[in-house]
Protein backbone atom coordinates (compact mmCIF):
# COMPACT_ATOMS: atom_id res chain seq x y z
CA MET A 1 -95.04 34.97 16.91
CA ASP A 2 -93.65 37.04 20.05
CA SER A 3 -92.74 33.96 21.63
CA ARG A 4 -90.43 33.10 18.82
CA GLU A 5 -89.01 36.70 18.66
CA GLY A 6 -88.02 36.37 22.22
CA GLU A 7 -86.05 33.18 21.57
CA GLY A 8 -84.24 34.23 18.72
CA PRO A 9 -81.69 36.55 20.76
CA GLN A 10 -81.03 33.55 23.18
CA CYS A 11 -80.38 31.36 20.15
CA LEU A 12 -77.86 33.77 18.80
CA LYS A 13 -76.23 34.30 22.14
CA THR A 14 -75.77 30.59 22.73
CA LEU A 15 -74.12 30.28 19.25
CA LYS A 16 -71.61 33.01 19.99
CA ASP A 17 -70.72 31.06 23.20
CA VAL A 18 -70.19 27.98 21.24
CA ARG A 19 -67.97 29.90 18.87
CA ARG A 20 -65.93 31.31 21.43
CA SER A 21 -65.42 27.86 23.18
CA HIS A 22 -64.24 26.33 20.16
CA LYS A 23 -62.19 29.14 18.33
CA ARG A 24 -58.94 27.42 18.87
CA ASP A 25 -60.10 24.16 17.68
CA VAL A 26 -62.57 24.62 14.84
CA LEU A 27 -61.63 26.34 11.55
CA GLN A 28 -65.27 26.61 10.60
CA THR A 29 -68.49 25.54 12.61
CA PRO A 30 -71.57 25.90 10.69
CA VAL A 31 -74.62 25.68 12.70
CA SER A 32 -77.06 22.71 11.55
CA ARG A 33 -80.18 24.30 13.26
CA CYS A 34 -81.34 26.57 15.99
CA ARG A 35 -84.60 25.27 17.39
CA MET A 36 -86.67 28.03 18.41
CA GLY A 37 -88.04 27.92 21.98
CA THR A 38 -85.27 25.59 23.40
CA GLY A 39 -82.13 27.84 22.62
CA THR A 40 -80.17 24.69 21.84
CA VAL A 41 -77.14 24.92 19.24
CA HIS A 42 -75.76 21.63 17.59
CA PRO A 43 -72.33 22.35 15.87
CA GLU A 44 -71.09 20.00 13.15
CA GLN A 45 -67.95 17.98 13.70
CA ALA A 46 -64.68 19.73 12.75
CA THR A 47 -63.32 18.67 9.42
CA ALA A 48 -60.10 20.53 9.31
CA CYS A 49 -57.48 21.78 11.47
CA LYS A 50 -54.83 24.52 11.16
CA GLY A 51 -51.18 23.92 10.31
CA ASN A 52 -49.15 22.20 13.27
CA GLN A 53 -52.36 20.79 14.61
CA TYR A 54 -53.94 17.33 14.64
CA LEU A 55 -57.43 16.29 15.14
CA SER A 56 -58.40 14.52 18.53
CA GLY A 57 -61.93 13.57 18.93
CA SER A 58 -63.76 16.82 18.14
CA HIS A 59 -60.80 18.99 18.95
CA CYS A 60 -57.96 20.41 17.00
CA CYS A 61 -54.81 20.12 19.22
CA ASP A 62 -51.65 21.66 18.79
CA LEU A 63 -48.69 19.62 17.78
CA CYS A 64 -45.74 19.24 19.97
CA PRO A 65 -42.59 21.26 18.82
CA PRO A 66 -39.11 19.72 17.77
CA GLY A 67 -37.35 18.48 20.77
CA LYS A 68 -40.44 17.65 22.64
CA LYS A 69 -42.74 14.43 22.79
CA LEU A 70 -46.62 14.31 23.46
CA VAL A 71 -47.66 13.58 26.91
CA ASN A 72 -51.69 14.56 26.84
CA ASP A 73 -53.98 15.58 24.08
CA CYS A 74 -55.81 18.78 24.43
CA THR A 75 -59.41 18.99 25.65
CA GLY A 76 -62.00 21.52 25.53
CA ILE A 77 -60.58 23.30 28.36
CA THR A 78 -56.85 22.01 28.38
CA GLU A 79 -54.09 22.51 25.65
CA THR A 80 -51.59 19.77 24.45
CA GLU A 81 -49.27 18.70 26.99
CA CYS A 82 -45.48 18.11 25.69
CA SER A 83 -42.30 17.23 27.72
CA PRO A 84 -38.77 17.62 26.25
CA CYS A 85 -36.72 14.74 25.05
CA GLY A 86 -34.11 13.02 27.26
CA ALA A 87 -30.30 12.78 26.82
CA GLY A 88 -29.29 11.05 23.81
CA GLU A 89 -32.81 11.46 22.30
CA PHE A 90 -34.36 13.77 19.72
CA LEU A 91 -37.40 14.76 17.54
CA ASP A 92 -36.70 16.77 14.54
CA THR A 93 -40.35 17.86 13.54
CA TRP A 94 -43.54 19.08 15.10
CA ASN A 95 -45.14 15.66 16.14
CA ARG A 96 -47.54 13.89 18.45
CA GLU A 97 -45.02 11.24 19.37
CA SER A 98 -45.16 9.67 22.70
CA ARG A 99 -41.45 8.72 22.51
CA CYS A 100 -38.40 10.49 21.45
CA HIS A 101 -36.01 8.70 18.73
CA GLN A 102 -32.52 7.68 19.96
CA HIS A 103 -29.57 9.24 18.51
CA LYS A 104 -27.43 7.15 16.00
CA TYR A 105 -24.54 5.29 17.43
CA CYS A 106 -21.30 5.42 15.38
CA ASP A 107 -19.69 2.05 15.72
CA PRO A 108 -16.06 2.35 15.46
CA ASN A 109 -15.87 -1.47 14.70
CA LEU A 110 -17.84 -0.77 11.52
CA GLY A 111 -15.62 1.89 10.53
CA LEU A 112 -17.70 4.72 11.79
CA GLN A 113 -16.62 7.85 13.67
CA VAL A 114 -18.94 10.72 15.04
CA GLN A 115 -18.93 13.71 12.65
CA GLY A 116 -21.72 15.66 14.49
CA THR A 117 -23.11 15.53 18.04
CA GLY A 118 -26.98 15.01 18.15
CA THR A 119 -29.20 17.46 20.00
CA SER A 120 -32.74 17.31 21.30
CA THR A 121 -33.87 18.44 17.72
CA THR A 122 -31.21 16.85 15.37
CA ASP A 123 -29.73 13.32 15.24
CA ALA A 124 -26.01 12.53 15.51
CA THR A 125 -24.07 12.05 12.19
CA CYS A 126 -21.61 9.54 11.54
CA ILE A 127 -18.73 9.49 8.96
CA CYS A 128 -16.32 6.82 7.73
CA HIS A 129 -12.67 6.79 8.63
CA GLU A 130 -9.95 8.00 6.12
CA GLY A 131 -9.74 5.58 3.27
CA GLN A 132 -13.26 4.13 3.60
CA HIS A 133 -16.84 4.92 2.61
CA CYS A 134 -20.37 4.21 3.34
CA SER A 135 -21.59 0.78 2.26
CA SER A 136 -25.25 2.00 1.87
CA ASP A 137 -27.13 5.19 1.82
CA ALA A 138 -27.95 4.58 5.51
CA CYS A 139 -24.23 4.65 6.21
CA GLU A 140 -24.59 2.02 8.93
CA SER A 141 -21.00 0.57 8.14
CA CYS A 142 -17.95 1.41 5.99
CA ILE A 143 -15.89 -0.52 3.43
CA LEU A 144 -12.42 0.35 1.98
CA HIS A 145 -11.97 2.55 -1.00
CA SER A 146 -11.50 0.29 -4.10
CA PRO A 147 -8.00 0.75 -5.60
CA CYS A 148 -7.59 1.16 -9.55
CA ALA A 149 -5.27 -1.80 -10.94
CA PRO A 150 -2.25 -1.20 -12.93
CA GLY A 151 -3.29 0.06 -16.44
CA LEU A 152 -6.22 1.99 -14.86
CA GLY A 153 -6.26 5.39 -13.58
CA VAL A 154 -8.57 7.25 -11.12
CA LYS A 155 -11.11 9.25 -12.78
CA GLN A 156 -12.99 10.27 -9.76
CA LEU A 157 -11.76 10.09 -6.11
CA ALA A 158 -13.58 8.31 -3.71
CA THR A 159 -15.71 10.18 -0.78
CA GLY A 160 -17.06 9.51 2.54
CA VAL A 161 -20.40 8.19 0.64
CA SER A 162 -19.09 6.98 -2.63
CA ASP A 163 -16.48 4.55 -3.97
CA THR A 164 -13.44 5.12 -6.34
CA VAL A 165 -14.27 5.47 -10.13
CA CYS A 166 -11.54 4.12 -12.42
CA GLU A 167 -10.84 4.32 -16.17
CA PRO A 168 -8.59 2.73 -18.63
CA CYS A 169 -5.29 4.54 -19.36
CA PRO A 170 -5.53 5.89 -22.93
CA VAL A 171 -2.66 5.87 -25.50
CA GLY A 172 0.05 7.82 -24.25
CA PHE A 173 -0.60 7.32 -20.68
CA PHE A 174 0.12 4.49 -18.19
CA SER A 175 -0.25 3.46 -14.49
CA LYS A 176 2.00 0.91 -13.06
CA VAL A 177 0.65 0.71 -9.48
CA SER A 178 -2.53 -0.22 -7.74
CA SER A 179 -4.01 2.84 -6.23
CA ALA A 180 -7.16 4.64 -5.19
CA LEU A 181 -5.42 8.14 -5.61
CA GLU A 182 -3.15 8.17 -8.59
CA LYS A 183 -4.50 9.06 -12.21
CA CYS A 184 -2.83 8.05 -15.51
CA HIS A 185 0.52 9.44 -16.07
CA PRO A 186 1.56 10.47 -19.53
CA TRP A 187 4.61 8.57 -21.14
CA THR A 188 8.09 10.39 -21.03
CA SER A 189 8.86 12.60 -23.84
CA CYS A 190 12.18 11.61 -25.13
CA ASP A 191 12.61 14.19 -27.76
CA THR A 192 12.12 16.93 -25.52
CA LYS A 193 14.98 15.75 -23.52
CA GLY A 194 17.14 15.30 -26.41
CA LEU A 195 16.96 11.64 -26.06
CA VAL A 196 15.91 8.67 -28.39
CA GLU A 197 13.17 6.22 -27.33
CA LEU A 198 14.71 2.81 -26.73
CA GLN A 199 11.49 1.44 -25.71
CA ALA A 200 7.78 2.34 -26.36
CA GLY A 201 5.46 2.77 -23.53
CA THR A 202 2.34 0.55 -22.58
CA ASN A 203 -0.58 1.23 -20.40
CA LYS A 204 1.17 0.00 -17.72
CA THR A 205 4.77 0.81 -18.21
CA ASP A 206 6.62 4.36 -19.34
CA ALA A 207 8.50 4.95 -22.36
CA VAL A 208 12.44 3.99 -22.12
CA CYS A 209 14.66 6.99 -23.11
CA GLY A 210 18.47 6.74 -24.02
CA PHE A 211 21.44 8.65 -25.62
CA ARG A 212 21.43 8.95 -29.37
CA ASN A 213 24.82 6.87 -29.59
CA ARG A 214 23.58 4.30 -27.14
CA MET A 215 22.41 1.96 -29.75
CA ARG A 216 25.74 1.93 -31.56
CA ALA A 217 27.47 1.59 -28.47
CA LEU A 218 25.43 -1.51 -27.59
CA VAL A 219 26.75 -2.86 -30.72
CA VAL A 220 30.25 -1.45 -31.01
CA ILE A 221 31.47 -2.30 -27.46
CA PRO A 222 30.93 -6.14 -27.65
CA ILE A 223 32.75 -6.09 -30.95
CA THR A 224 35.53 -4.19 -29.72
CA MET A 225 36.08 -6.29 -26.71
CA GLY A 226 35.86 -9.42 -28.88
CA VAL A 227 38.66 -8.12 -31.39
CA LEU A 228 40.69 -7.02 -28.36
CA PHE A 229 40.46 -10.61 -26.83
CA ALA A 230 41.35 -12.13 -30.05
CA VAL A 231 44.59 -9.89 -30.47
CA LEU A 232 45.71 -10.73 -26.92
CA LEU A 233 45.34 -14.40 -27.53
CA LEU A 234 47.12 -14.32 -30.82
CA SER A 235 50.02 -12.28 -29.36
CA ALA A 236 50.49 -14.81 -26.56
CA CYS A 237 50.41 -17.69 -29.01
CA ILE A 238 53.16 -15.81 -31.13
CA ARG A 239 55.35 -15.30 -28.09
CA LYS A 240 55.12 -18.68 -27.27
CA VAL A 241 56.11 -20.14 -30.61
CA ALA A 242 59.17 -17.64 -30.89
CA LYS A 243 60.36 -18.79 -27.61
CA GLU A 244 60.38 -22.52 -28.65
CA PRO A 245 63.79 -22.34 -30.70
CA GLU A 246 65.49 -20.59 -27.91
CA ASN A 247 64.39 -23.39 -25.26
CA LYS A 248 65.77 -26.16 -27.55
CA ALA A 249 68.96 -24.42 -28.09
CA LEU A 250 69.41 -23.83 -24.42
CA HIS A 251 68.71 -27.65 -23.87
CA ARG A 252 71.44 -28.60 -26.47
CA LYS A 253 74.09 -26.36 -24.61
CA VAL A 254 73.29 -27.73 -21.30
CA GLY A 255 73.59 -31.29 -22.76
CA TRP A 256 76.93 -30.52 -24.42
CA GLN A 257 80.13 -31.40 -22.26
CA ASP A 258 83.15 -29.27 -22.01
CA PRO A 259 86.42 -30.90 -23.39
CA VAL A 260 89.11 -31.87 -20.68
CA GLU A 261 92.64 -31.60 -21.52
CA THR A 262 95.24 -33.70 -19.81
CA VAL A 263 98.83 -32.78 -19.23
CA TYR A 264 101.29 -35.48 -18.44
CA PRO A 265 104.74 -35.02 -16.91
CA ASP A 266 106.44 -36.49 -19.87
CA ASP A 267 105.17 -33.80 -21.88
CA PHE A 268 107.58 -31.26 -20.16
CA PRO A 269 111.27 -30.96 -20.58
CA GLY A 270 113.53 -30.80 -17.80
CA PRO A 271 113.43 -32.32 -14.27
CA HIS A 272 110.44 -34.07 -13.40
CA SER A 273 110.37 -32.97 -9.73
CA ILE A 274 107.98 -30.26 -10.56
CA ALA A 275 104.58 -31.53 -10.19
CA PRO A 276 102.52 -32.14 -13.43
CA VAL A 277 99.73 -29.47 -13.86
CA GLN A 278 96.62 -30.65 -15.66
CA GLU A 279 94.53 -27.96 -17.08
CA THR A 280 90.90 -28.94 -17.35
CA LEU A 281 88.68 -26.76 -19.02
CA HIS A 282 85.47 -26.33 -16.60
CA GLY A 283 83.14 -23.67 -17.81
CA CYS A 284 86.11 -22.02 -19.59
CA GLN A 285 88.11 -21.78 -16.51
CA PRO A 286 91.37 -23.61 -15.91
CA VAL A 287 91.79 -26.21 -13.18
CA THR A 288 95.04 -27.26 -11.78
CA GLN A 289 95.18 -30.98 -11.03
CA GLU A 290 97.68 -32.25 -8.10
CA ASP A 291 100.25 -34.75 -8.94
CA GLY A 292 99.48 -38.35 -8.53
CA LYS A 293 95.74 -37.91 -9.23
CA GLU A 294 93.73 -38.71 -12.07
CA SER A 295 92.64 -35.86 -13.97
CA ARG A 296 89.20 -37.07 -15.29
CA ILE A 297 86.26 -35.09 -13.94
CA SER A 298 82.92 -36.58 -14.55
CA VAL A 299 79.93 -34.76 -16.08
CA GLN A 300 78.03 -34.56 -12.77
CA GLU A 301 80.89 -33.05 -11.03
CA ARG A 302 81.08 -30.09 -13.35
CA GLN A 303 77.63 -29.55 -13.24
C-alpha cells in the first residue's frame, strides 16, 4: 500500500511532462492508464488539430501562411518549416503545399491583357481588350461582342465577361444598322414637326415625313408640265400653218417676170440722129438701152 502511494506522485509528474511536451500538438490527450510501480504514461493518438494546423504522424503542425510553401513538417521538437514563393509565384491560402502556383499568363494573342499584377499571395488577373469578352468563366481567351442585326436593338451591353443581349424592336421603334451598342430608336413624329407622314416606319426603317402640300405638288407639277408642253407644241404648229400662205405668195412673186417695154426710133418724131432709148422696167427701175443693141434682157440677167 505504501509502495503504491509512493509511485502515485511520480505517475502524475510524468503525465504533466507529457502534456507540456504536447501542448502545441494535442488538443486533448487522455491517459489510457498509469501503471503503478512503473511510472509509464501511454497517451492516445491526437484525434483533432486546431485551425490552421494539420496532422503529421502524431503531431499537429502549423500550416504555412499565404505566400509561403512547406519545406519540412514539424516534429516533437521542431516547428513547421516554410519558405516564401519565388517571383511569378503565389499561394493565396494557409497551406501545406510543397510548390507555389504560377501566376496566370495573359496571352495577347488570345485577346487578353493584364488587369492586375500578381503578388506572392494573389494571382494575376486578365481582362479582354475593348470590344471583346471572355469565352468562358476561366477567361482563358476572348471573343468579339456579338452585334445586334437590323430590326434588333441592344437590351444589355456586353461586358468583359458577358456577350451582348439583343431584343426585337417593338412597334414604333426601329434599328437600321448592325451594332453592339445602339438601342432601338423611336420613329420620327411627323405631327410634332408640323409635317405629314408620307411613309410609315418599320422595325428597320424610320417614318418618312413631308410638307402638307407635297402630295398635291407631286400630282399637280407633272400635270402642269404636260399642259405647258402641249401648249408650246400647239403654238408651234399654229405658227407653221400661218406661214404657209405667205411662203406660197412669195414663191409666186419670185416666179413672176417684170414686163419689158421696147422703144424703137420710128416712134419718135424728128431727126433720127438721136439715139433711141429703150426703157426696161427692171425691178420697177428704168434702164437705158444703147443704140443698135437688142433690148431684150433675159430673166436670168434680171435676177
